[in-house]
């Protein structure tokens, strides 16, 4: 136990990096996914086509391949940046279509009459979407959005294979260096991941009860 406790500062540093990856990439994916969802319902065919193309390509590309492109191909093209920043790009890109599809399902659940009423009082497409449709869509899609962020928490572990020392990479290194306490090390890592995912599930349940719109 004393040996494991002495490793906690290293664990906590990896946990800190995982949290940073989750928060920054989650915000980026939420913003980008919202834009993609709005483009999917745009009256402009070119925007709808681009959004559909983005969604299909991004969500059907393996995350490891996305990381490989950002970590190795982008620097070869002259787009050099710290690996942590490249991990933000990879995770944001990969997560954005799942956010967009969750929001689109919520948008489809908003009664059509509400958008028609908004247009009847002179609101344009952008105002209708941002002021009427999206607020209701967000409320209806809280549980699936939280599930997307829980999946993102687990996906941050892929960054450990691409020079980002987050919780998974830290656990792997500690297990290699301390073979006599491998099981306690793995259990500690599992608990630290649960420290993130369980509260997210709890928040989803509370927000669903408070905000979800009854259809």
N, C-alpha and C. Protein backbone atom coordinates (compact mmCIF):
# COMPACT_ATOMS: atom_id res chain seq x y z
N UNK A 1 0.83 -1.21 0.00
CA UNK A 1 0.00 0.00 0.00
C UNK A 1 0.87 1.26 0.00
N UNK A 2 1.95 1.23 0.78
CA UNK A 2 2.84 2.39 0.83
C UNK A 2 3.47 2.67 -0.52
N UNK A 3 3.83 1.58 -1.23
CA UNK A 3 4.42 1.75 -2.55
C UNK A 3 3.41 2.37 -3.52
N UNK A 4 2.17 1.90 -3.45
CA UNK A 4 1.12 2.46 -4.31
C UNK A 4 0.86 3.92 -3.98
N UNK A 5 0.82 4.23 -2.69
CA UNK A 5 0.56 5.61 -2.28
C UNK A 5 1.64 6.55 -2.77
N UNK A 6 2.88 6.07 -2.82
CA UNK A 6 3.98 6.91 -3.29
C UNK A 6 3.86 7.24 -4.78
N UNK A 7 3.06 6.45 -5.49
CA UNK A 7 2.88 6.68 -6.93
C UNK A 7 1.71 7.62 -7.23
N UNK A 8 0.95 8.00 -6.20
CA UNK A 8 -0.25 8.81 -6.42
C UNK A 8 0.03 10.15 -7.10
N UNK A 9 1.13 10.87 -6.77
CA UNK A 9 1.37 12.13 -7.52
C UNK A 9 1.49 11.92 -9.02
N UNK A 10 2.08 10.80 -9.43
CA UNK A 10 2.20 10.51 -10.87
C UNK A 10 0.82 10.20 -11.44
N UNK A 11 0.05 9.40 -10.71
CA UNK A 11 -1.33 9.11 -11.13
C UNK A 11 -2.14 10.40 -11.31
N UNK A 12 -2.04 11.29 -10.33
CA UNK A 12 -2.84 12.51 -10.36
C UNK A 12 -2.44 13.43 -11.50
N UNK A 13 -1.16 13.40 -11.88
CA UNK A 13 -0.73 14.20 -13.03
C UNK A 13 -1.35 13.65 -14.31
N UNK A 14 -1.34 12.33 -14.46
CA UNK A 14 -2.00 11.73 -15.62
C UNK A 14 -3.49 11.99 -15.62
N UNK A 15 -4.10 11.94 -14.44
CA UNK A 15 -5.53 12.24 -14.30
C UNK A 15 -5.83 13.68 -14.69
N UNK A 16 -4.93 14.59 -14.32
CA UNK A 16 -5.11 16.01 -14.67
C UNK A 16 -5.10 16.20 -16.18
N UNK A 17 -4.18 15.52 -16.87
CA UNK A 17 -4.11 15.64 -18.32
C UNK A 17 -5.37 15.06 -18.97
N UNK A 18 -5.86 13.95 -18.42
CA UNK A 18 -7.10 13.36 -18.94
C UNK A 18 -8.27 14.33 -18.79
N UNK A 19 -8.35 14.99 -17.64
CA UNK A 19 -9.41 15.98 -17.44
C UNK A 19 -9.30 17.13 -18.43
N UNK A 20 -8.07 17.59 -18.68
CA UNK A 20 -7.87 18.68 -19.64
C UNK A 20 -8.33 18.24 -21.03
N UNK A 21 -7.94 17.03 -21.41
CA UNK A 21 -8.37 16.50 -22.72
C UNK A 21 -9.89 16.44 -22.81
N UNK A 22 -10.52 15.98 -21.74
CA UNK A 22 -11.98 15.86 -21.74
C UNK A 22 -12.66 17.22 -21.84
N UNK A 23 -12.24 18.17 -21.03
CA UNK A 23 -12.91 19.47 -20.98
C UNK A 23 -12.70 20.24 -22.28
N UNK A 24 -11.46 20.36 -22.72
CA UNK A 24 -11.18 21.15 -23.92
C UNK A 24 -11.79 20.50 -25.16
N UNK A 25 -11.57 19.19 -25.32
CA UNK A 25 -12.12 18.50 -26.49
C UNK A 25 -13.64 18.44 -26.43
N UNK A 26 -14.20 18.30 -25.22
CA UNK A 26 -15.65 18.28 -25.08
C UNK A 26 -16.28 19.59 -25.49
N UNK A 27 -15.69 20.69 -25.06
CA UNK A 27 -16.21 22.01 -25.45
C UNK A 27 -16.07 22.21 -26.96
N UNK A 28 -14.91 21.84 -27.49
CA UNK A 28 -14.70 21.97 -28.94
C UNK A 28 -15.69 21.13 -29.73
N UNK A 29 -15.91 19.88 -29.30
CA UNK A 29 -16.85 19.00 -30.01
C UNK A 29 -18.28 19.51 -29.89
N UNK A 30 -18.62 20.10 -28.73
CA UNK A 30 -19.97 20.63 -28.55
C UNK A 30 -20.23 21.80 -29.49
N UNK A 31 -19.25 22.70 -29.60
CA UNK A 31 -19.40 23.86 -30.49
C UNK A 31 -19.44 23.39 -31.95
N UNK A 32 -18.47 22.55 -32.33
CA UNK A 32 -18.42 22.10 -33.72
C UNK A 32 -19.62 21.23 -34.06
N UNK A 33 -20.01 20.36 -33.14
CA UNK A 33 -21.17 19.50 -33.39
C UNK A 33 -22.46 20.28 -33.53
N UNK A 34 -22.59 21.37 -32.75
CA UNK A 34 -23.78 22.22 -32.86
C UNK A 34 -23.84 22.88 -34.24
N UNK A 35 -22.69 23.36 -34.71
CA UNK A 35 -22.64 23.96 -36.05
C UNK A 35 -23.00 22.94 -37.12
N UNK A 36 -22.47 21.72 -36.99
CA UNK A 36 -22.76 20.68 -37.98
C UNK A 36 -24.24 20.32 -37.95
N UNK A 37 -24.82 20.23 -36.75
CA UNK A 37 -26.25 19.92 -36.64
C UNK A 37 -27.10 21.01 -37.29
N UNK A 38 -26.72 22.27 -37.08
CA UNK A 38 -27.46 23.38 -37.69
C UNK A 38 -27.34 23.33 -39.21
N UNK A 39 -26.16 22.97 -39.69
CA UNK A 39 -25.96 22.86 -41.14
C UNK A 39 -26.77 21.71 -41.74
N UNK A 40 -26.98 20.64 -40.96
CA UNK A 40 -27.75 19.51 -41.46
C UNK A 40 -29.20 19.89 -41.76
N UNK A 41 -29.73 20.92 -41.09
CA UNK A 41 -31.12 21.33 -41.33
C UNK A 41 -31.19 22.65 -42.09
N UNK A 42 -30.04 23.08 -42.61
CA UNK A 42 -30.00 24.35 -43.33
C UNK A 42 -30.80 24.28 -44.63
N UNK A 43 -31.40 25.39 -45.05
CA UNK A 43 -32.09 25.40 -46.36
C UNK A 43 -31.11 25.43 -47.53
N UNK A 44 -29.81 25.62 -47.25
CA UNK A 44 -28.80 25.65 -48.30
C UNK A 44 -28.29 24.23 -48.54
N UNK A 45 -28.49 23.74 -49.75
CA UNK A 45 -28.15 22.35 -50.06
C UNK A 45 -26.66 22.07 -49.87
N UNK A 46 -25.81 23.03 -50.23
CA UNK A 46 -24.37 22.83 -50.11
C UNK A 46 -23.95 22.62 -48.65
N UNK A 47 -24.57 23.38 -47.74
CA UNK A 47 -24.27 23.22 -46.32
C UNK A 47 -24.75 21.87 -45.80
N UNK A 48 -25.94 21.47 -46.23
CA UNK A 48 -26.45 20.15 -45.82
C UNK A 48 -25.54 19.04 -46.32
N UNK A 49 -25.08 19.19 -47.56
CA UNK A 49 -24.20 18.17 -48.13
C UNK A 49 -22.87 18.11 -47.40
N UNK A 50 -22.29 19.26 -47.09
CA UNK A 50 -21.02 19.29 -46.36
C UNK A 50 -21.17 18.67 -44.98
N UNK A 51 -22.25 19.01 -44.28
CA UNK A 51 -22.47 18.49 -42.93
C UNK A 51 -22.67 16.97 -42.96
N UNK A 52 -23.40 16.48 -43.95
CA UNK A 52 -23.61 15.03 -44.07
C UNK A 52 -22.29 14.33 -44.37
N UNK A 53 -21.48 14.93 -45.25
CA UNK A 53 -20.18 14.36 -45.59
C UNK A 53 -19.27 14.32 -44.36
N UNK A 54 -19.22 15.43 -43.63
CA UNK A 54 -18.40 15.51 -42.40
C UNK A 54 -18.81 14.42 -41.41
N UNK A 55 -20.12 14.31 -41.20
CA UNK A 55 -20.62 13.34 -40.22
C UNK A 55 -20.26 11.92 -40.59
N UNK A 56 -20.49 11.56 -41.84
CA UNK A 56 -20.23 10.18 -42.26
C UNK A 56 -18.74 9.84 -42.22
N UNK A 57 -17.90 10.77 -42.68
CA UNK A 57 -16.46 10.50 -42.69
C UNK A 57 -15.91 10.45 -41.27
N UNK A 58 -16.28 11.42 -40.44
CA UNK A 58 -15.69 11.51 -39.10
C UNK A 58 -16.10 10.35 -38.21
N UNK A 59 -17.37 9.99 -38.22
CA UNK A 59 -17.81 8.96 -37.27
C UNK A 59 -17.48 7.55 -37.76
N UNK A 60 -17.11 7.38 -39.03
CA UNK A 60 -16.75 6.06 -39.54
C UNK A 60 -15.25 5.88 -39.71
N UNK A 61 -14.47 6.85 -39.25
CA UNK A 61 -13.01 6.72 -39.27
C UNK A 61 -12.54 6.29 -37.89
N UNK A 62 -11.75 5.23 -37.78
CA UNK A 62 -11.26 4.80 -36.46
C UNK A 62 -10.49 5.92 -35.76
N UNK A 63 -10.69 6.05 -34.47
CA UNK A 63 -10.04 7.12 -33.72
C UNK A 63 -8.52 6.99 -33.78
N UNK A 64 -8.01 5.77 -33.76
CA UNK A 64 -6.56 5.58 -33.85
C UNK A 64 -6.01 6.15 -35.15
N UNK A 65 -6.77 5.98 -36.24
CA UNK A 65 -6.33 6.54 -37.52
C UNK A 65 -6.36 8.06 -37.49
N UNK A 66 -7.36 8.63 -36.83
CA UNK A 66 -7.43 10.09 -36.69
C UNK A 66 -6.21 10.60 -35.93
N UNK A 67 -5.86 9.92 -34.84
CA UNK A 67 -4.68 10.30 -34.06
C UNK A 67 -3.41 10.15 -34.89
N UNK A 68 -3.33 9.08 -35.66
CA UNK A 68 -2.14 8.88 -36.51
C UNK A 68 -1.98 10.04 -37.48
N UNK A 69 -3.10 10.48 -38.06
CA UNK A 69 -3.04 11.59 -39.01
C UNK A 69 -2.58 12.87 -38.32
N UNK A 70 -3.17 13.16 -37.15
CA UNK A 70 -2.82 14.42 -36.48
C UNK A 70 -1.40 14.39 -35.91
N UNK A 71 -0.96 13.22 -35.44
CA UNK A 71 0.36 13.14 -34.79
C UNK A 71 1.50 13.02 -35.76
N UNK A 72 1.26 12.41 -36.93
CA UNK A 72 2.36 12.15 -37.86
C UNK A 72 2.21 12.85 -39.21
N UNK A 73 1.00 12.81 -39.78
CA UNK A 73 0.81 13.37 -41.12
C UNK A 73 0.79 14.89 -41.08
N UNK A 74 0.06 15.46 -40.11
CA UNK A 74 0.00 16.93 -40.04
C UNK A 74 1.38 17.57 -39.86
N UNK A 75 2.25 17.04 -38.99
CA UNK A 75 3.60 17.62 -38.92
C UNK A 75 4.37 17.48 -40.22
N UNK A 76 4.15 16.39 -40.96
CA UNK A 76 4.82 16.23 -42.26
C UNK A 76 4.35 17.28 -43.25
N UNK A 77 3.11 17.74 -43.06
CA UNK A 77 2.56 18.78 -43.94
C UNK A 77 2.93 20.19 -43.48
N UNK A 78 3.73 20.26 -42.43
CA UNK A 78 4.18 21.56 -41.93
C UNK A 78 3.32 22.12 -40.82
N UNK A 79 2.28 21.37 -40.40
CA UNK A 79 1.39 21.85 -39.34
C UNK A 79 1.89 21.30 -37.99
N UNK A 80 2.95 21.86 -37.50
CA UNK A 80 3.57 21.37 -36.26
C UNK A 80 2.94 22.05 -35.05
N UNK A 81 2.72 21.26 -34.02
CA UNK A 81 2.13 21.77 -32.77
C UNK A 81 2.45 20.78 -31.67
N UNK A 82 2.34 21.18 -30.41
CA UNK A 82 2.52 20.23 -29.31
C UNK A 82 1.55 19.06 -29.43
N UNK A 83 1.99 17.89 -29.00
CA UNK A 83 1.14 16.70 -29.14
C UNK A 83 -0.17 16.84 -28.38
N UNK A 84 -0.16 17.56 -27.27
CA UNK A 84 -1.40 17.76 -26.53
C UNK A 84 -2.41 18.53 -27.36
N UNK A 85 -1.95 19.55 -28.08
CA UNK A 85 -2.84 20.32 -28.95
C UNK A 85 -3.37 19.45 -30.09
N UNK A 86 -2.50 18.61 -30.65
CA UNK A 86 -2.93 17.71 -31.71
C UNK A 86 -3.96 16.70 -31.19
N UNK A 87 -3.81 16.30 -29.93
CA UNK A 87 -4.80 15.40 -29.33
C UNK A 87 -6.15 16.10 -29.20
N UNK A 88 -6.15 17.39 -28.85
CA UNK A 88 -7.39 18.16 -28.81
C UNK A 88 -8.07 18.13 -30.18
N UNK A 89 -7.29 18.35 -31.22
CA UNK A 89 -7.83 18.37 -32.59
C UNK A 89 -8.45 17.02 -32.93
N UNK A 90 -7.73 15.95 -32.65
CA UNK A 90 -8.21 14.60 -32.99
C UNK A 90 -9.50 14.26 -32.25
N UNK A 91 -9.52 14.51 -30.96
CA UNK A 91 -10.69 14.16 -30.16
C UNK A 91 -11.90 15.04 -30.50
N UNK A 92 -11.64 16.32 -30.77
CA UNK A 92 -12.74 17.22 -31.15
C UNK A 92 -13.34 16.79 -32.48
N UNK A 93 -12.48 16.51 -33.45
CA UNK A 93 -12.96 16.08 -34.77
C UNK A 93 -13.77 14.79 -34.66
N UNK A 94 -13.23 13.81 -33.91
CA UNK A 94 -13.87 12.50 -33.84
C UNK A 94 -15.20 12.56 -33.09
N UNK A 95 -15.29 13.40 -32.07
CA UNK A 95 -16.49 13.45 -31.23
C UNK A 95 -17.59 14.32 -31.83
N UNK A 96 -17.22 15.30 -32.63
CA UNK A 96 -18.20 16.27 -33.14
C UNK A 96 -19.38 15.64 -33.88
N UNK A 97 -19.20 14.61 -34.73
CA UNK A 97 -20.38 14.07 -35.42
C UNK A 97 -21.35 13.37 -34.49
N UNK A 98 -20.84 12.80 -33.39
CA UNK A 98 -21.74 12.15 -32.43
C UNK A 98 -22.57 13.19 -31.69
N UNK A 99 -21.94 14.33 -31.39
CA UNK A 99 -22.70 15.45 -30.81
C UNK A 99 -23.75 15.94 -31.81
N UNK A 100 -23.34 16.09 -33.06
CA UNK A 100 -24.25 16.59 -34.09
C UNK A 100 -25.45 15.67 -34.28
N UNK A 101 -25.21 14.37 -34.31
CA UNK A 101 -26.33 13.43 -34.51
C UNK A 101 -27.26 13.40 -33.31
N UNK A 102 -26.68 13.52 -32.09
CA UNK A 102 -27.53 13.59 -30.90
C UNK A 102 -28.42 14.82 -30.96
N UNK A 103 -27.83 15.95 -31.33
CA UNK A 103 -28.61 17.19 -31.43
C UNK A 103 -29.64 17.12 -32.55
N UNK A 104 -29.28 16.49 -33.65
CA UNK A 104 -30.22 16.40 -34.77
C UNK A 104 -31.45 15.59 -34.37
N UNK A 105 -31.24 14.55 -33.57
CA UNK A 105 -32.39 13.78 -33.10
C UNK A 105 -33.29 14.65 -32.22
N UNK A 106 -32.68 15.54 -31.43
CA UNK A 106 -33.48 16.46 -30.62
C UNK A 106 -34.18 17.48 -31.48
N UNK A 107 -33.50 17.98 -32.50
CA UNK A 107 -34.12 18.95 -33.42
C UNK A 107 -35.33 18.33 -34.10
N UNK A 108 -35.21 17.07 -34.51
CA UNK A 108 -36.34 16.40 -35.16
C UNK A 108 -37.51 16.21 -34.21
N UNK A 109 -37.24 16.26 -32.89
CA UNK A 109 -38.32 16.11 -31.91
C UNK A 109 -39.03 17.40 -31.58
N UNK A 110 -38.49 18.52 -32.04
CA UNK A 110 -39.15 19.81 -31.80
C UNK A 110 -40.34 19.94 -32.77
N UNK A 111 -41.53 20.21 -32.28
CA UNK A 111 -42.70 20.32 -33.17
C UNK A 111 -42.45 21.31 -34.30
N UNK A 112 -42.80 20.91 -35.51
CA UNK A 112 -42.58 21.76 -36.68
C UNK A 112 -43.30 23.10 -36.56
N UNK A 113 -44.43 23.11 -35.87
CA UNK A 113 -45.20 24.33 -35.73
C UNK A 113 -44.44 25.43 -35.01
N UNK A 114 -43.49 25.05 -34.15
CA UNK A 114 -42.74 26.06 -33.42
C UNK A 114 -41.82 26.85 -34.37
N UNK A 115 -41.17 26.15 -35.29
CA UNK A 115 -40.33 26.83 -36.27
C UNK A 115 -41.19 27.68 -37.21
N UNK A 116 -42.35 27.16 -37.58
CA UNK A 116 -43.24 27.92 -38.46
C UNK A 116 -43.75 29.18 -37.74
N UNK A 117 -44.04 29.06 -36.46
CA UNK A 117 -44.49 30.23 -35.70
C UNK A 117 -43.39 31.28 -35.60
N UNK A 118 -42.15 30.81 -35.43
CA UNK A 118 -41.02 31.73 -35.35
C UNK A 118 -40.84 32.48 -36.67
N UNK A 119 -40.98 31.76 -37.77
CA UNK A 119 -40.85 32.42 -39.08
C UNK A 119 -42.01 33.39 -39.34
N UNK A 120 -43.17 33.05 -38.80
CA UNK A 120 -44.35 33.91 -39.04
C UNK A 120 -44.22 35.26 -38.35
N UNK A 121 -43.39 35.34 -37.31
CA UNK A 121 -43.20 36.63 -36.63
C UNK A 121 -41.94 37.34 -37.13
N UNK A 122 -41.38 36.83 -38.22
CA UNK A 122 -40.28 37.53 -38.87
C UNK A 122 -38.89 37.06 -38.53
N UNK A 123 -38.74 35.98 -37.77
CA UNK A 123 -37.40 35.48 -37.44
C UNK A 123 -36.81 34.75 -38.64
N UNK A 124 -35.53 34.97 -38.90
CA UNK A 124 -34.84 34.28 -39.97
C UNK A 124 -34.45 32.88 -39.55
N UNK A 125 -33.79 32.16 -40.47
CA UNK A 125 -33.40 30.78 -40.17
C UNK A 125 -32.46 30.72 -38.97
N UNK A 126 -31.44 31.58 -38.99
CA UNK A 126 -30.47 31.56 -37.90
C UNK A 126 -31.10 31.86 -36.56
N UNK A 127 -31.98 32.85 -36.51
CA UNK A 127 -32.66 33.20 -35.26
C UNK A 127 -33.60 32.09 -34.81
N UNK A 128 -34.30 31.48 -35.76
CA UNK A 128 -35.22 30.40 -35.42
C UNK A 128 -34.47 29.22 -34.80
N UNK A 129 -33.34 28.87 -35.41
CA UNK A 129 -32.56 27.74 -34.91
C UNK A 129 -31.96 28.05 -33.56
N UNK A 130 -31.33 29.22 -33.42
CA UNK A 130 -30.60 29.54 -32.19
C UNK A 130 -31.51 29.89 -31.02
N UNK A 131 -32.67 30.52 -31.30
CA UNK A 131 -33.54 30.99 -30.22
C UNK A 131 -34.70 30.06 -29.90
N UNK A 132 -35.12 29.26 -30.87
CA UNK A 132 -36.31 28.43 -30.67
C UNK A 132 -35.99 26.93 -30.70
N UNK A 133 -35.29 26.51 -31.75
CA UNK A 133 -35.11 25.06 -31.96
C UNK A 133 -34.02 24.47 -31.08
N UNK A 134 -32.81 25.05 -31.13
CA UNK A 134 -31.69 24.47 -30.40
C UNK A 134 -31.88 24.41 -28.88
N UNK A 135 -32.43 25.46 -28.24
CA UNK A 135 -32.63 25.34 -26.79
C UNK A 135 -33.49 24.13 -26.40
N UNK A 136 -34.54 23.86 -27.18
CA UNK A 136 -35.37 22.69 -26.89
C UNK A 136 -34.65 21.40 -27.23
N UNK A 137 -33.89 21.43 -28.33
CA UNK A 137 -33.15 20.23 -28.73
C UNK A 137 -32.12 19.84 -27.68
N UNK A 138 -31.43 20.83 -27.11
CA UNK A 138 -30.44 20.55 -26.07
C UNK A 138 -31.10 19.89 -24.86
N UNK A 139 -32.27 20.39 -24.48
CA UNK A 139 -32.95 19.82 -23.31
C UNK A 139 -33.35 18.36 -23.56
N UNK A 140 -33.79 18.09 -24.78
CA UNK A 140 -34.24 16.73 -25.09
C UNK A 140 -33.09 15.75 -25.28
N UNK A 141 -31.90 16.25 -25.52
CA UNK A 141 -30.78 15.35 -25.83
C UNK A 141 -29.72 15.34 -24.73
N UNK A 142 -30.08 15.76 -23.53
CA UNK A 142 -29.10 15.76 -22.43
C UNK A 142 -28.54 14.36 -22.18
N UNK A 143 -29.37 13.31 -22.02
CA UNK A 143 -28.81 11.98 -21.75
C UNK A 143 -27.86 11.49 -22.85
N UNK A 144 -28.25 11.54 -24.15
CA UNK A 144 -27.29 11.08 -25.16
C UNK A 144 -26.04 11.93 -25.25
N UNK A 145 -26.14 13.22 -24.98
CA UNK A 145 -24.94 14.07 -25.00
C UNK A 145 -24.00 13.69 -23.86
N UNK A 146 -24.55 13.43 -22.69
CA UNK A 146 -23.71 12.99 -21.58
C UNK A 146 -23.04 11.67 -21.92
N UNK A 147 -23.76 10.77 -22.59
CA UNK A 147 -23.17 9.50 -23.01
C UNK A 147 -22.01 9.72 -23.99
N UNK A 148 -22.16 10.72 -24.84
CA UNK A 148 -21.07 11.06 -25.77
C UNK A 148 -19.83 11.51 -24.99
N UNK A 149 -20.03 12.31 -23.94
CA UNK A 149 -18.90 12.79 -23.16
C UNK A 149 -18.29 11.68 -22.30
N UNK A 150 -19.10 10.72 -21.87
CA UNK A 150 -18.55 9.56 -21.16
C UNK A 150 -17.68 8.75 -22.12
N UNK A 151 -18.16 8.57 -23.35
CA UNK A 151 -17.34 7.88 -24.36
C UNK A 151 -16.06 8.66 -24.65
N UNK A 152 -16.16 9.98 -24.67
CA UNK A 152 -14.98 10.81 -24.89
C UNK A 152 -13.96 10.61 -23.77
N UNK A 153 -14.44 10.48 -22.53
CA UNK A 153 -13.54 10.23 -21.41
C UNK A 153 -12.70 8.99 -21.66
N UNK A 154 -13.35 7.92 -22.13
CA UNK A 154 -12.62 6.69 -22.40
C UNK A 154 -11.75 6.82 -23.64
N UNK A 155 -12.19 7.60 -24.61
CA UNK A 155 -11.40 7.77 -25.83
C UNK A 155 -10.11 8.56 -25.60
N UNK A 156 -10.05 9.34 -24.51
CA UNK A 156 -8.81 10.07 -24.23
C UNK A 156 -7.64 9.11 -24.03
N UNK A 157 -7.93 7.86 -23.69
CA UNK A 157 -6.85 6.89 -23.48
C UNK A 157 -6.05 6.63 -24.76
N UNK A 158 -6.67 6.86 -25.93
CA UNK A 158 -5.96 6.65 -27.19
C UNK A 158 -4.80 7.63 -27.32
N UNK A 159 -4.95 8.81 -26.71
CA UNK A 159 -3.88 9.81 -26.77
C UNK A 159 -2.61 9.29 -26.12
N UNK A 160 -2.75 8.33 -25.18
CA UNK A 160 -1.58 7.77 -24.52
C UNK A 160 -0.66 7.02 -25.46
N UNK A 161 -1.18 6.60 -26.60
CA UNK A 161 -0.34 5.93 -27.59
C UNK A 161 0.32 6.88 -28.55
N UNK A 162 0.06 8.18 -28.39
CA UNK A 162 0.60 9.18 -29.31
C UNK A 162 1.26 10.32 -28.53
N UNK A 163 2.13 9.93 -27.59
CA UNK A 163 3.05 10.86 -26.92
C UNK A 163 2.37 11.83 -25.96
N UNK A 164 1.12 11.58 -25.59
CA UNK A 164 0.45 12.40 -24.58
C UNK A 164 0.38 11.59 -23.29
N UNK A 165 0.99 12.08 -22.24
CA UNK A 165 1.08 11.32 -20.99
C UNK A 165 -0.16 11.60 -20.15
N UNK A 166 -1.25 10.92 -20.50
CA UNK A 166 -2.49 11.05 -19.72
C UNK A 166 -2.61 9.84 -18.81
N UNK A 167 -3.80 9.57 -18.29
CA UNK A 167 -3.97 8.55 -17.27
C UNK A 167 -3.62 7.16 -17.78
N UNK A 168 -4.04 6.83 -19.00
CA UNK A 168 -3.75 5.50 -19.54
C UNK A 168 -2.25 5.30 -19.73
N UNK A 169 -1.58 6.28 -20.32
CA UNK A 169 -0.14 6.17 -20.53
C UNK A 169 0.60 6.10 -19.19
N UNK A 170 0.13 6.87 -18.23
CA UNK A 170 0.74 6.83 -16.89
C UNK A 170 0.57 5.46 -16.26
N UNK A 171 -0.62 4.89 -16.37
CA UNK A 171 -0.89 3.57 -15.80
C UNK A 171 0.00 2.51 -16.45
N UNK A 172 0.12 2.57 -17.75
CA UNK A 172 0.95 1.59 -18.47
C UNK A 172 2.40 1.67 -18.01
N UNK A 173 2.93 2.90 -17.89
CA UNK A 173 4.31 3.07 -17.46
C UNK A 173 4.52 2.60 -16.02
N UNK A 174 3.59 2.95 -15.14
CA UNK A 174 3.71 2.53 -13.75
C UNK A 174 3.61 1.02 -13.60
N UNK A 175 2.75 0.39 -14.39
CA UNK A 175 2.62 -1.06 -14.34
C UNK A 175 3.90 -1.74 -14.82
N UNK A 176 4.54 -1.17 -15.84
CA UNK A 176 5.80 -1.72 -16.33
C UNK A 176 6.92 -1.57 -15.31
N UNK A 177 6.91 -0.46 -14.58
CA UNK A 177 7.98 -0.18 -13.62
C UNK A 177 7.77 -0.83 -12.26
N UNK A 178 6.53 -1.23 -11.98
CA UNK A 178 6.21 -1.79 -10.66
C UNK A 178 5.42 -3.07 -10.83
N UNK A 179 6.09 -4.08 -11.34
CA UNK A 179 5.43 -5.34 -11.68
C UNK A 179 4.83 -6.07 -10.49
N UNK A 180 5.29 -5.78 -9.28
CA UNK A 180 4.78 -6.47 -8.10
C UNK A 180 3.42 -5.94 -7.62
N UNK A 181 2.98 -4.79 -8.15
CA UNK A 181 1.68 -4.22 -7.73
C UNK A 181 0.86 -3.83 -8.97
N UNK A 182 0.92 -4.65 -10.00
CA UNK A 182 0.20 -4.34 -11.24
C UNK A 182 -1.30 -4.23 -11.00
N UNK A 183 -1.88 -5.20 -10.27
CA UNK A 183 -3.34 -5.19 -10.06
C UNK A 183 -3.78 -3.95 -9.28
N UNK A 184 -3.13 -3.57 -8.18
CA UNK A 184 -3.54 -2.33 -7.51
C UNK A 184 -3.40 -1.10 -8.41
N UNK A 185 -2.39 -1.07 -9.26
CA UNK A 185 -2.21 0.06 -10.18
C UNK A 185 -3.39 0.13 -11.15
N UNK A 186 -3.77 -1.03 -11.70
CA UNK A 186 -4.89 -1.05 -12.66
C UNK A 186 -6.20 -0.67 -11.98
N UNK A 187 -6.39 -1.15 -10.75
CA UNK A 187 -7.60 -0.80 -10.02
C UNK A 187 -7.66 0.69 -9.71
N UNK A 188 -6.51 1.26 -9.38
CA UNK A 188 -6.46 2.71 -9.12
C UNK A 188 -6.84 3.50 -10.37
N UNK A 189 -6.32 3.07 -11.51
CA UNK A 189 -6.65 3.75 -12.77
C UNK A 189 -8.15 3.64 -13.06
N UNK A 190 -8.71 2.45 -12.82
CA UNK A 190 -10.15 2.26 -13.06
C UNK A 190 -10.97 3.19 -12.16
N UNK A 191 -10.57 3.30 -10.90
CA UNK A 191 -11.29 4.17 -9.97
C UNK A 191 -11.22 5.63 -10.43
N UNK A 192 -10.06 6.06 -10.92
CA UNK A 192 -9.91 7.44 -11.37
C UNK A 192 -10.78 7.73 -12.60
N UNK A 193 -10.91 6.75 -13.50
CA UNK A 193 -11.83 6.94 -14.63
C UNK A 193 -13.28 7.02 -14.13
N UNK A 194 -13.62 6.18 -13.14
CA UNK A 194 -14.97 6.20 -12.59
C UNK A 194 -15.27 7.52 -11.88
N UNK A 195 -14.24 8.16 -11.34
CA UNK A 195 -14.41 9.46 -10.70
C UNK A 195 -14.96 10.48 -11.69
N UNK A 196 -14.66 10.28 -12.98
CA UNK A 196 -15.17 11.17 -14.02
C UNK A 196 -16.54 10.71 -14.52
N UNK A 197 -16.64 9.42 -14.87
CA UNK A 197 -17.83 8.94 -15.57
C UNK A 197 -19.07 8.83 -14.68
N UNK A 198 -18.90 8.42 -13.42
CA UNK A 198 -20.07 8.28 -12.55
C UNK A 198 -20.73 9.63 -12.27
N UNK A 199 -19.97 10.69 -11.92
CA UNK A 199 -20.62 12.00 -11.76
C UNK A 199 -21.30 12.49 -13.03
N UNK A 200 -20.72 12.18 -14.20
CA UNK A 200 -21.37 12.58 -15.46
C UNK A 200 -22.73 11.91 -15.59
N UNK A 201 -22.81 10.63 -15.26
CA UNK A 201 -24.08 9.93 -15.30
C UNK A 201 -25.07 10.51 -14.31
N UNK A 202 -24.59 10.87 -13.13
CA UNK A 202 -25.46 11.47 -12.11
C UNK A 202 -25.99 12.82 -12.60
N UNK A 203 -25.11 13.63 -13.18
CA UNK A 203 -25.53 14.94 -13.71
C UNK A 203 -26.57 14.76 -14.81
N UNK A 204 -26.35 13.75 -15.67
CA UNK A 204 -27.32 13.50 -16.75
C UNK A 204 -28.70 13.21 -16.19
N UNK A 205 -28.76 12.38 -15.14
CA UNK A 205 -30.04 12.05 -14.55
C UNK A 205 -30.72 13.25 -13.92
N UNK A 206 -29.94 14.07 -13.22
CA UNK A 206 -30.53 15.26 -12.59
C UNK A 206 -31.03 16.26 -13.61
N UNK A 207 -30.22 16.50 -14.66
CA UNK A 207 -30.62 17.47 -15.68
C UNK A 207 -31.81 16.97 -16.48
N UNK A 208 -31.85 15.66 -16.70
CA UNK A 208 -32.98 15.10 -17.45
C UNK A 208 -34.28 15.34 -16.70
N UNK A 209 -34.26 15.16 -15.39
CA UNK A 209 -35.46 15.37 -14.60
C UNK A 209 -35.87 16.84 -14.58
N UNK A 210 -34.88 17.73 -14.60
CA UNK A 210 -35.17 19.16 -14.46
C UNK A 210 -35.51 19.83 -15.79
N UNK A 211 -34.78 19.44 -16.85
CA UNK A 211 -34.88 20.21 -18.10
C UNK A 211 -35.54 19.51 -19.26
N UNK A 212 -35.58 18.20 -19.23
CA UNK A 212 -36.04 17.51 -20.44
C UNK A 212 -37.47 17.95 -20.77
N UNK A 213 -37.72 18.11 -22.05
CA UNK A 213 -39.03 18.55 -22.53
C UNK A 213 -39.89 17.34 -22.84
N UNK A 214 -41.07 17.27 -22.26
CA UNK A 214 -41.96 16.16 -22.55
C UNK A 214 -42.56 16.34 -23.94
N UNK A 215 -42.49 15.28 -24.70
CA UNK A 215 -42.98 15.37 -26.07
C UNK A 215 -44.50 15.25 -26.10
